[in-house]
């Protein structure tokens, strides 16, 4: 393996790749059903607050660590920590977190591809979420399809594969979403869905809603496990990182909000419930399209954009896995991509077969492997990893505020100012700890 680190070719490539890592099932699948289950507009407001107060600082810190170290998460702390410190243990936890995320995310991506294929072929009769997840053949087949596509792209290279595929895919994703949102807004009865989505009822805010908003903010931004640090290590120092983090979060938030503008008006127009949970995207929206004029066309476009959103994150996170494995083993990109692809596929079989052959109920009846992996990642790895970044960047026992600020402020754009230090050093970690503890207590 060459010692020269690969670089992204353009700033647009960096922004779209980072946004692609953030934009995914968390925006287009998880965000809408959490809005539906957690009371609508009030959850949206809390989610936006968490993005600004917690997400923006953590993403800036994660980018800064990656860019300063010029290494993947498994080796980036060694380049910045003081002799004898153990911050690099989080690097190995990051590798586990990325693998744990792909243990269920790859399966969900396969579900998106399956629904797209069914709508494209006009074979929607009998299509159901439960029928799909309990069919081992469907799950394993489309998991394999998702893994082959992803790791084939990664094996080509950073600029020639990942950047070249992601840029047009993300641009097309935005175009599709805007078109679908406009179409949903013009449906008869759409106003009721928009009211539920945009009009907050703050009486519905509970500790469970607050915890859900924070976890969703971290999940949708993919922060806390090094997924953003790896792209920081691939970018030059022409732009300051607070401004770049802001841009990524804006793109991510636009997609999440557009997903709501697509789903909630459509659900109200056809009299369907919005609190269906994980099946909202599949059963509810599939029903909408089967009842809609030109439903096959709109359904195909809808699930095509879902495939693009899911695949953008899968590509970004699997690139992180490949990069970490390459740093540990010194393998070439092709070898690492093949071995990592096989490994991710085998681990993801737990989720793919979790509703049929591999029965496992970690949190009682109705729970499965997907819930287990999601709990590991969303409830633990992401918030605790974000806490580690905050402590490392803002304290003398780690990298320290001055080292972080100097790196973050290199280049043109918005700068990290000293008046922000109390937010980064105290507000962010204290909020994470409080909400994390409340969430764990409430979960069990």
Protein backbone atom coordinates (compact mmCIF):
# COMPACT_ATOMS: atom_id res chain seq x y z
CA UNK A 1 0.00 0.00 0.00
CA UNK A 2 1.30 3.47 -0.90
CA UNK A 3 2.17 5.72 2.02
CA UNK A 4 0.74 8.73 0.18
CA UNK A 5 -2.73 9.48 1.49
CA UNK A 6 -5.54 9.63 -1.04
CA UNK A 7 -7.30 12.99 -1.41
CA UNK A 8 -10.66 14.14 -2.69
CA UNK A 9 -10.47 16.04 -5.95
CA UNK A 10 -12.79 18.96 -5.16
CA UNK A 11 -14.43 20.84 -2.31
CA UNK A 12 -17.82 19.90 -3.78
CA UNK A 13 -16.77 16.28 -3.56
CA UNK A 14 -15.92 16.71 0.12
CA UNK A 15 -19.23 18.44 0.90
CA UNK A 16 -21.35 15.93 -1.01
CA UNK A 17 -19.48 12.94 0.38
CA UNK A 18 -19.77 14.26 3.94
CA UNK A 19 -23.41 15.15 3.35
CA UNK A 20 -23.90 11.74 1.74
CA UNK A 21 -22.56 10.09 4.89
CA UNK A 22 -25.01 12.13 6.95
CA UNK A 23 -27.91 11.86 4.50
CA UNK A 24 -29.35 8.39 4.48
CA UNK A 25 -31.90 6.19 6.17
CA UNK A 26 -31.68 8.42 9.23
CA UNK A 27 -33.23 11.23 7.17
CA UNK A 28 -35.60 9.48 4.82
CA UNK A 29 -36.66 6.48 6.92
CA UNK A 30 -36.01 7.06 10.61
CA UNK A 31 -36.69 10.82 10.85
CA UNK A 32 -40.24 10.71 9.41
CA UNK A 33 -41.38 7.78 11.53
CA UNK A 34 -39.88 9.32 14.67
CA UNK A 35 -41.72 12.57 13.90
CA UNK A 36 -44.89 10.50 13.52
CA UNK A 37 -44.41 8.61 16.79
CA UNK A 38 -43.10 11.55 18.85
CA UNK A 39 -45.87 14.05 18.18
CA UNK A 40 -45.00 15.93 15.01
CA UNK A 41 -43.78 19.53 15.02
CA UNK A 42 -42.52 19.60 18.64
CA UNK A 43 -40.07 16.80 17.87
CA UNK A 44 -38.92 18.65 14.74
CA UNK A 45 -38.12 21.77 16.82
CA UNK A 46 -36.14 19.76 19.41
CA UNK A 47 -34.30 17.93 16.65
CA UNK A 48 -33.24 21.21 15.02
CA UNK A 49 -32.03 22.55 18.39
CA UNK A 50 -29.93 19.41 18.94
CA UNK A 51 -28.40 19.77 15.47
CA UNK A 52 -27.22 23.32 16.22
CA UNK A 53 -26.23 23.02 19.90
CA UNK A 54 -24.73 19.52 19.80
CA UNK A 55 -24.33 18.40 16.19
CA UNK A 56 -22.48 21.43 14.83
CA UNK A 57 -19.74 21.51 17.53
CA UNK A 58 -19.19 17.74 17.46
CA UNK A 59 -18.97 17.58 13.67
CA UNK A 60 -16.45 20.44 13.65
CA UNK A 61 -14.32 18.64 16.25
CA UNK A 62 -14.49 15.35 14.38
CA UNK A 63 -13.49 16.96 11.08
CA UNK A 64 -10.61 18.76 12.84
CA UNK A 65 -9.18 15.60 14.39
CA UNK A 66 -9.24 13.79 11.06
CA UNK A 67 -7.71 16.66 9.10
CA UNK A 68 -4.97 17.33 11.65
CA UNK A 69 -3.99 13.67 11.98
CA UNK A 70 -4.32 12.76 8.28
CA UNK A 71 -5.18 9.23 9.38
CA UNK A 72 -8.24 7.03 9.85
CA UNK A 73 -9.90 6.82 13.29
CA UNK A 74 -7.83 3.83 14.43
CA UNK A 75 -4.61 5.86 14.16
CA UNK A 76 -5.70 9.49 14.35
CA UNK A 77 -5.48 9.80 18.14
CA UNK A 78 -1.89 8.52 18.20
CA UNK A 79 -0.88 11.48 16.03
CA UNK A 80 -2.41 14.02 18.43
CA UNK A 81 -2.50 12.58 21.95
CA UNK A 82 0.32 13.00 24.46
CA UNK A 83 2.66 10.12 25.23
CA UNK A 84 1.11 7.49 27.47
CA UNK A 85 -2.49 8.57 26.90
CA UNK A 86 -5.22 6.13 25.90
CA UNK A 87 -7.52 8.24 23.74
CA UNK A 88 -6.71 5.94 20.81
CA UNK A 89 -8.89 3.23 22.38
CA UNK A 90 -11.83 5.18 21.00
CA UNK A 91 -10.40 4.60 17.54
CA UNK A 92 -10.96 0.87 17.89
CA UNK A 93 -14.43 1.51 19.32
CA UNK A 94 -15.08 3.58 16.19
CA UNK A 95 -14.19 0.63 13.97
CA UNK A 96 -16.62 -1.55 15.93
CA UNK A 97 -19.29 1.17 15.72
CA UNK A 98 -19.02 1.44 11.95
CA UNK A 99 -19.27 -2.33 11.59
CA UNK A 100 -22.24 -2.46 13.98
CA UNK A 101 -24.00 0.24 11.94
CA UNK A 102 -23.48 -1.70 8.73
CA UNK A 103 -24.74 -4.86 10.44
CA UNK A 104 -28.27 -3.51 9.97
CA UNK A 105 -27.91 -0.55 7.61
CA UNK A 106 -26.89 -2.75 4.69
CA UNK A 107 -30.05 -4.79 5.17
CA UNK A 108 -32.25 -1.68 5.21
CA UNK A 109 -30.50 -0.53 2.01
CA UNK A 110 -31.40 -3.90 0.51
CA UNK A 111 -35.03 -3.31 1.48
CA UNK A 112 -34.97 0.00 -0.42
CA UNK A 113 -33.57 -1.70 -3.52
CA UNK A 114 -36.19 -4.46 -3.27
CA UNK A 115 -39.10 -2.00 -3.13
CA UNK A 116 -37.63 0.01 -6.01
CA UNK A 117 -37.37 -3.13 -8.15
CA UNK A 118 -40.95 -4.16 -7.31
CA UNK A 119 -42.39 -0.73 -8.17
CA UNK A 120 -40.28 -0.39 -11.30
CA UNK A 121 -41.59 -3.75 -12.51
CA UNK A 122 -45.17 -2.94 -11.51
CA UNK A 123 -45.26 -5.97 -9.18
CA UNK A 124 -46.76 -4.33 -6.09
CA UNK A 125 -49.59 -6.77 -5.44
CA UNK A 126 -49.07 -8.45 -2.07
CA UNK A 127 -46.10 -6.21 -1.26
CA UNK A 128 -45.76 -5.75 2.52
CA UNK A 129 -43.12 -4.85 5.07
CA UNK A 130 -43.72 -7.93 7.24
CA UNK A 131 -43.76 -10.20 4.22
CA UNK A 132 -40.43 -8.77 3.09
CA UNK A 133 -38.53 -8.91 6.39
CA UNK A 134 -39.68 -12.48 7.12
CA UNK A 135 -38.57 -13.78 3.71
CA UNK A 136 -34.95 -14.99 4.12
CA UNK A 137 -34.37 -15.30 0.38
CA UNK A 138 -35.36 -11.68 -0.29
CA UNK A 139 -33.28 -10.38 2.62
CA UNK A 140 -30.10 -12.27 1.82
CA UNK A 141 -30.34 -11.62 -1.93
CA UNK A 142 -30.78 -7.87 -1.64
CA UNK A 143 -28.24 -7.60 1.17
CA UNK A 144 -25.76 -9.21 -1.23
CA UNK A 145 -26.75 -6.79 -4.01
CA UNK A 146 -26.20 -3.78 -1.71
CA UNK A 147 -22.80 -5.07 -0.54
CA UNK A 148 -21.56 -5.90 -4.04
CA UNK A 149 -22.51 -2.45 -5.39
CA UNK A 150 -20.96 -0.65 -2.43
CA UNK A 151 -17.64 -2.45 -2.20
CA UNK A 152 -17.23 -2.62 -5.99
CA UNK A 153 -17.34 1.20 -6.04
CA UNK A 154 -14.93 1.46 -3.10
CA UNK A 155 -12.46 -0.94 -4.70
CA UNK A 156 -11.95 1.44 -7.65
CA UNK A 157 -10.52 4.25 -5.51
CA UNK A 158 -11.39 7.46 -3.70
CA UNK A 159 -11.66 9.91 -6.62
CA UNK A 160 -12.30 7.39 -9.39
CA UNK A 161 -14.89 5.40 -7.45
CA UNK A 162 -16.42 6.97 -4.36
CA UNK A 163 -16.26 10.66 -5.34
CA UNK A 164 -17.22 10.05 -8.97
CA UNK A 165 -20.33 8.04 -8.03
CA UNK A 166 -21.46 10.09 -5.04
CA UNK A 167 -21.49 13.58 -6.62
CA UNK A 168 -24.06 12.91 -9.39
CA UNK A 169 -26.04 10.57 -7.11
CA UNK A 170 -26.46 13.26 -4.42
CA UNK A 171 -27.41 15.95 -6.95
CA UNK A 172 -30.03 13.64 -8.47
CA UNK A 173 -31.25 12.82 -4.96
CA UNK A 174 -32.02 16.50 -4.28
CA UNK A 175 -33.79 16.90 -7.61
CA UNK A 176 -35.98 13.84 -7.01
CA UNK A 177 -36.88 14.95 -3.49
CA UNK A 178 -37.92 18.45 -4.53
CA UNK A 179 -40.11 17.03 -7.30
CA UNK A 180 -41.75 14.51 -4.95
CA UNK A 181 -42.30 17.14 -2.23
CA UNK A 182 -44.03 19.50 -4.68
CA UNK A 183 -46.21 16.65 -5.89
CA UNK A 184 -47.22 15.65 -2.34
CA UNK A 185 -48.04 19.26 -1.41
CA UNK A 186 -50.52 19.47 -4.31
CA UNK A 187 -52.54 16.42 -3.22
CA UNK A 188 -56.05 16.97 -1.90
CA UNK A 189 -56.08 17.02 1.92
CA UNK A 190 -52.33 17.64 2.16
CA UNK A 191 -52.81 20.61 4.51
CA UNK A 192 -53.66 18.39 7.51
CA UNK A 193 -50.40 16.50 7.16
CA UNK A 194 -48.45 19.73 6.82
CA UNK A 195 -50.13 21.10 9.97
CA UNK A 196 -49.15 18.00 11.97
CA UNK A 197 -45.60 18.28 10.67
CA UNK A 198 -45.02 22.01 11.02
CA UNK A 199 -47.23 23.12 13.93
CA UNK A 200 -45.50 22.17 17.22
CA UNK A 201 -47.52 21.03 20.23
CA UNK A 202 -45.03 21.50 23.07
CA UNK A 203 -47.28 19.66 25.53
CA UNK A 204 -46.13 16.46 23.82
CA UNK A 205 -42.49 16.99 24.83
CA UNK A 206 -41.32 14.38 27.34
CA UNK A 207 -37.90 13.10 28.39
CA UNK A 208 -38.35 10.30 25.85
CA UNK A 209 -38.88 12.86 23.08
CA UNK A 210 -35.77 14.83 24.12
CA UNK A 211 -33.62 11.67 24.15
CA UNK A 212 -35.04 10.65 20.78
CA UNK A 213 -34.21 14.07 19.30
CA UNK A 214 -30.57 13.92 20.45
CA UNK A 215 -30.04 10.34 19.32
CA UNK A 216 -31.64 11.13 15.97
CA UNK A 217 -29.39 14.19 15.52
CA UNK A 218 -26.27 12.09 16.11
CA UNK A 219 -27.59 9.20 13.99
CA UNK A 220 -28.51 11.34 11.00
CA UNK A 221 -25.18 13.20 11.07
CA UNK A 222 -23.17 9.98 11.57
CA UNK A 223 -21.04 11.72 14.21
CA UNK A 224 -19.30 10.08 17.16
CA UNK A 225 -17.70 7.09 15.46
CA UNK A 226 -15.18 8.61 13.08
CA UNK A 227 -17.30 8.56 9.92
CA UNK A 228 -16.75 12.28 9.47
CA UNK A 229 -13.12 12.20 10.67
CA UNK A 230 -12.13 10.06 7.71
CA UNK A 231 -13.37 12.70 5.25
CA UNK A 232 -11.58 15.36 7.27
CA UNK A 233 -8.39 13.40 6.60
CA UNK A 234 -9.10 13.44 2.85
CA UNK A 235 -9.65 17.21 2.50
CA UNK A 236 -7.17 20.08 2.13
CA UNK A 237 -6.85 23.07 4.44
CA UNK A 238 -8.39 25.72 2.18
CA UNK A 239 -11.66 26.00 4.14
CA UNK A 240 -12.33 26.44 7.85
CA UNK A 241 -14.16 23.51 9.39
CA UNK A 242 -16.97 25.24 11.29
CA UNK A 243 -18.25 26.63 8.01
CA UNK A 244 -17.93 23.26 6.27
CA UNK A 245 -19.77 21.57 9.14
CA UNK A 246 -22.54 24.14 8.85
CA UNK A 247 -22.86 23.43 5.11
CA UNK A 248 -23.05 19.67 5.63
CA UNK A 249 -25.69 20.03 8.37
CA UNK A 250 -27.77 22.37 6.19
CA UNK A 251 -27.75 19.85 3.33
CA UNK A 252 -28.59 17.03 5.73
CA UNK A 253 -31.45 18.97 7.33
CA UNK A 254 -32.94 19.96 3.98
CA UNK A 255 -33.18 16.28 3.01
CA UNK A 256 -34.75 15.27 6.35
CA UNK A 257 -37.32 18.07 6.16
CA UNK A 258 -38.08 17.29 2.51
CA UNK A 259 -38.73 13.65 3.46
CA UNK A 260 -41.41 14.90 5.87
CA UNK A 261 -42.88 17.16 3.17
CA UNK A 262 -43.18 14.10 0.94
CA UNK A 263 -44.66 11.67 3.46
CA UNK A 264 -47.00 13.56 5.81
CA UNK A 265 -49.12 15.36 3.17
CA UNK A 266 -49.42 12.09 1.22
CA UNK A 267 -50.51 10.19 4.34
CA UNK A 268 -53.17 12.74 5.27
CA UNK A 269 -54.38 12.90 1.68
CA UNK A 270 -55.14 9.17 1.70
CA UNK A 271 -56.26 8.94 5.35
CA UNK A 272 -53.34 6.82 6.54
CA UNK A 273 -51.76 6.87 10.02
CA UNK A 274 -48.38 8.55 10.39
CA UNK A 275 -47.35 6.77 13.61
CA UNK A 276 -46.70 3.38 12.01
CA UNK A 277 -43.04 3.35 13.11
CA UNK A 278 -40.39 1.66 10.93
CA UNK A 279 -43.01 0.38 8.49
CA UNK A 280 -44.13 3.95 7.66
CA UNK A 281 -41.78 4.16 4.69
CA UNK A 282 -42.70 0.76 3.32
CA UNK A 283 -46.33 -0.19 4.05
CA UNK A 284 -47.81 3.31 4.37
CA UNK A 285 -46.03 4.96 1.45
CA UNK A 286 -46.46 1.88 -0.75
CA UNK A 287 -50.21 2.11 -0.09
CA UNK A 288 -50.15 5.80 -1.00
CA UNK A 289 -48.52 5.10 -4.36
CA UNK A 290 -50.78 2.18 -5.23
CA UNK A 291 -53.79 4.48 -4.73
CA UNK A 292 -52.25 7.46 -6.53
CA UNK A 293 -52.65 8.35 -10.18
CA UNK A 294 -49.45 7.30 -12.00
CA UNK A 295 -48.50 5.58 -8.76
CA UNK A 296 -46.06 3.20 -10.38
CA UNK A 297 -44.01 6.13 -11.72
CA UNK A 298 -44.10 8.13 -8.47
CA UNK A 299 -43.45 5.02 -6.38
CA UNK A 300 -40.44 4.09 -8.53
CA UNK A 301 -39.01 7.60 -8.23
CA UNK A 302 -39.66 7.66 -4.48
CA UNK A 303 -37.85 4.40 -3.80
CA UNK A 304 -35.08 5.33 -6.25
CA UNK A 305 -34.32 8.38 -4.12
CA UNK A 306 -34.49 6.13 -1.04
CA UNK A 307 -31.89 3.85 -2.64
CA UNK A 308 -29.64 6.83 -3.40
CA UNK A 309 -29.97 8.17 0.16
CA UNK A 310 -29.26 4.80 1.78
CA UNK A 311 -26.40 3.96 -0.59
CA UNK A 312 -24.69 7.33 -0.03
CA UNK A 313 -24.33 6.60 3.68
CA UNK A 314 -23.41 2.97 3.09
CA UNK A 315 -20.62 4.03 0.72
CA UNK A 316 -19.29 6.61 3.17
CA UNK A 317 -19.34 4.38 6.27
CA UNK A 318 -17.89 1.39 4.43
CA UNK A 319 -15.13 3.66 3.10
CA UNK A 320 -14.35 4.40 6.75
CA UNK A 321 -14.19 0.66 7.52
CA UNK A 322 -11.92 0.03 4.52
CA UNK A 323 -9.64 2.93 5.48
CA UNK A 324 -9.30 1.72 9.08
CA UNK A 325 -8.61 -1.85 8.02
CA UNK A 326 -6.01 -0.61 5.52
CA UNK A 327 -4.30 1.44 8.25
CA UNK A 328 -4.18 -1.62 10.51
CA UNK A 329 -3.09 -4.18 7.89
CA UNK A 330 -1.34 -2.14 5.16
CA UNK A 331 -3.45 -3.96 2.57
CA UNK A 332 -4.15 -2.42 -0.81
CA UNK A 333 -7.59 -0.93 -1.56
CA UNK A 334 -8.82 -3.83 -3.68
CA UNK A 335 -7.89 -6.53 -1.15
CA UNK A 336 -9.27 -4.54 1.77
CA UNK A 337 -12.53 -3.84 -0.09
CA UNK A 338 -13.11 -7.51 -0.92
CA UNK A 339 -12.35 -8.78 2.58
CA UNK A 340 -14.34 -6.01 4.29
CA UNK A 341 -17.24 -6.59 1.92
CA UNK A 342 -17.38 -10.28 2.78
CA UNK A 343 -17.04 -9.51 6.48
CA UNK A 344 -19.83 -6.92 6.49
CA UNK A 345 -22.10 -9.28 4.54
CA UNK A 346 -21.57 -12.11 7.03
CA UNK A 347 -22.20 -9.93 10.08
CA UNK A 348 -25.29 -8.37 8.46
CA UNK A 349 -26.80 -11.84 8.01
CA UNK A 350 -27.81 -11.57 11.68
CA UNK A 351 -30.23 -8.79 10.73
CA UNK A 352 -31.18 -10.23 7.35
CA UNK A 353 -32.26 -13.50 8.98
CA UNK A 354 -33.31 -11.93 12.27
CA UNK A 355 -37.02 -12.05 11.46
CA UNK A 356 -37.00 -15.60 10.12
CA UNK A 357 -34.15 -18.03 10.86
CA UNK A 358 -32.08 -16.30 13.58
CA UNK A 359 -34.68 -15.48 16.21
CA UNK A 360 -33.21 -13.22 18.87
CA UNK A 361 -35.26 -10.99 21.18
CA UNK A 362 -32.75 -8.83 23.08
CA UNK A 363 -35.32 -6.44 24.52
CA UNK A 364 -38.35 -8.68 24.82
CA UNK A 365 -40.98 -9.96 22.36
CA UNK A 366 -41.07 -8.06 19.09
CA UNK A 367 -37.42 -6.98 19.19
CA UNK A 368 -34.80 -8.49 16.89
CA UNK A 369 -31.18 -8.21 15.76
CA UNK A 370 -31.90 -4.88 14.07
CA UNK A 371 -33.00 -3.41 17.42
CA UNK A 372 -29.88 -4.79 19.10
CA UNK A 373 -27.48 -3.26 16.58
CA UNK A 374 -29.42 0.01 16.52
CA UNK A 375 -29.27 0.21 20.33
CA UNK A 376 -25.50 -0.34 20.27
CA UNK A 377 -24.97 2.39 17.68
CA UNK A 378 -27.69 5.02 18.25
CA UNK A 379 -27.99 4.82 22.03
CA UNK A 380 -24.34 4.21 22.90
CA UNK A 381 -21.57 4.49 20.29
CA UNK A 382 -22.71 7.79 18.75
CA UNK A 383 -23.43 9.84 21.91
CA UNK A 384 -20.49 8.43 23.89
CA UNK A 385 -18.16 8.88 20.92
CA UNK A 386 -19.32 12.49 20.58
CA UNK A 387 -18.56 12.94 24.27
CA UNK A 388 -15.02 11.62 23.72
CA UNK A 389 -14.46 14.09 20.84
CA UNK A 390 -15.61 17.00 23.03
CA UNK A 391 -13.38 16.01 25.94
CA UNK A 392 -10.38 15.35 23.70
CA UNK A 393 -10.60 18.64 21.79
CA UNK A 394 -11.38 21.00 24.65
CA UNK A 395 -9.20 19.85 27.54
CA UNK A 396 -5.47 19.84 28.27
CA UNK A 397 -5.64 16.13 29.07
CA UNK A 398 -6.34 15.62 25.37
CA UNK A 399 -5.48 17.59 22.25
CA UNK A 400 -6.51 20.85 23.90
CA UNK A 401 -8.58 23.86 22.86
CA UNK A 402 -5.76 25.76 21.16
CA UNK A 403 -4.69 22.80 19.03
CA UNK A 404 -8.28 22.16 17.99
CA UNK A 405 -9.07 25.83 17.30
CA UNK A 406 -5.92 26.32 15.21
CA UNK A 407 -6.75 23.35 12.99
CA UNK A 408 -10.46 24.18 12.70
CA UNK A 409 -9.72 27.79 11.68
CA UNK A 410 -7.24 27.05 8.90
CA UNK A 411 -8.56 28.32 5.58
CA UNK A 412 -11.37 30.63 4.52
CA UNK A 413 -14.76 30.71 6.22
CA UNK A 414 -16.41 30.92 9.63
CA UNK A 415 -13.97 30.65 12.52
CA UNK A 416 -14.22 29.02 15.94
CA UNK A 417 -14.05 31.90 18.43
CA UNK A 418 -12.91 31.83 22.05
CA UNK A 419 -16.38 32.83 23.24
CA UNK A 420 -17.57 29.46 21.92
CA UNK A 421 -15.23 27.54 24.23
CA UNK A 422 -17.76 27.15 27.10
CA UNK A 423 -20.27 25.69 24.62
CA UNK A 424 -17.79 23.18 23.21
CA UNK A 425 -16.15 22.38 26.55
CA UNK A 426 -19.09 22.37 28.98
CA UNK A 427 -22.52 22.65 27.32
CA UNK A 428 -21.95 19.89 24.77
CA UNK A 429 -20.55 17.19 27.13
CA UNK A 430 -22.96 18.03 29.99
CA UNK A 431 -25.98 17.84 27.67
CA UNK A 432 -24.77 14.57 26.19
CA UNK A 433 -24.22 13.00 29.63
CA UNK A 434 -27.59 14.10 31.02
CA UNK A 435 -29.61 13.05 27.98
CA UNK A 436 -27.64 9.80 27.65
CA UNK A 437 -28.30 8.78 31.27
CA UNK A 438 -32.00 9.66 31.00
CA UNK A 439 -32.21 7.64 27.80
CA UNK A 440 -30.56 4.52 29.23
CA UNK A 441 -32.72 4.64 32.38
CA UNK A 442 -35.87 5.09 30.30
CA UNK A 443 -34.87 2.37 27.84
CA UNK A 444 -34.61 -0.29 30.51
